């Protein structure tokens, strides 16, 4: 297993779904420039088909040359009953990003109740969309929504959905704990199973609803994933996303695995504070690694030991 881990930052997309967080186009460009300098591998800029702000962001981003990161546009698989050249997929191609990330359904319950389509049509929607994007020269990341819930309910169908992404030519298949309710043992076991069934690189995308976002991401990486998605400071919908300001130093110092450039580790707190500043958030002093209280000691035995 390679020790290298790809860092996929979704602060500008998933992070903006956090309570009270709103970035202007200028804000998003400023954060993207800093994340590129920091050395993340992918920056997810937004969903070009969802709002005018994201369309403007991608227009502005075309004029920028990123040094380390590849910019990703985010969208969904084609709709049921149409070709992969439908309007929402075309907008992703028009964004002219080197990477396109597509989300699709893994949980058969959602296929039937949300998409209101058949199991086979959902598989075709995944495969067709990815193949279409590959034909347009894009590096495709496939986010398999509700991977773990879907696997626990109907494992063979969940695996079939992931296999459809591989057949379409996905470059990375990302297992998503969309509800944030899985535990590390489950994440590790399912990740190992998927690794045994697919040849494609595996990624992990977790949420922090029960406080295990970072733990679940690290469990997946130990089980064979090599790509991790998250946000700076863990901002995001509900209780937040996997916190990259915890994942990155843990990979470097506890797991001895490479991700961002070694020299960038010293600027982790600066990046954390910049995102808080632009988001108009007060920095959380109790955040691991980057919080003001992270390496402080109040007194007695701990202070004596440090001295």
Foldseek 3Di string as FASTA:
>chain_A
DALAFAEAEECQEQLCQFPLFDFALVRLVVLVQVVLVLAHAEYENYQQVPDPRSVVNLVVCVPDDRDHYFYEHEEEFDAFPDALCDDSLVSRVVSVTQEYEYEAELAQVCVCPVSVDDLVRRLVSLLRNLLVVVVSNHQYEYEHPCLLVRCVVPVVSSLSSQVSNVNSPHQEYEYENPVQPDDLVSLLVVLLVSVVVDPHAYEYWHACQPHCQLVNRVSSVVSHHRYYYAHDVQRGYDRGTRHPLVNQVCSVPVVVGDYGDPVSNVCSLVSSVSVCVSRVHDDDLPDAPNHVCNPDDDDDPVVVVVD
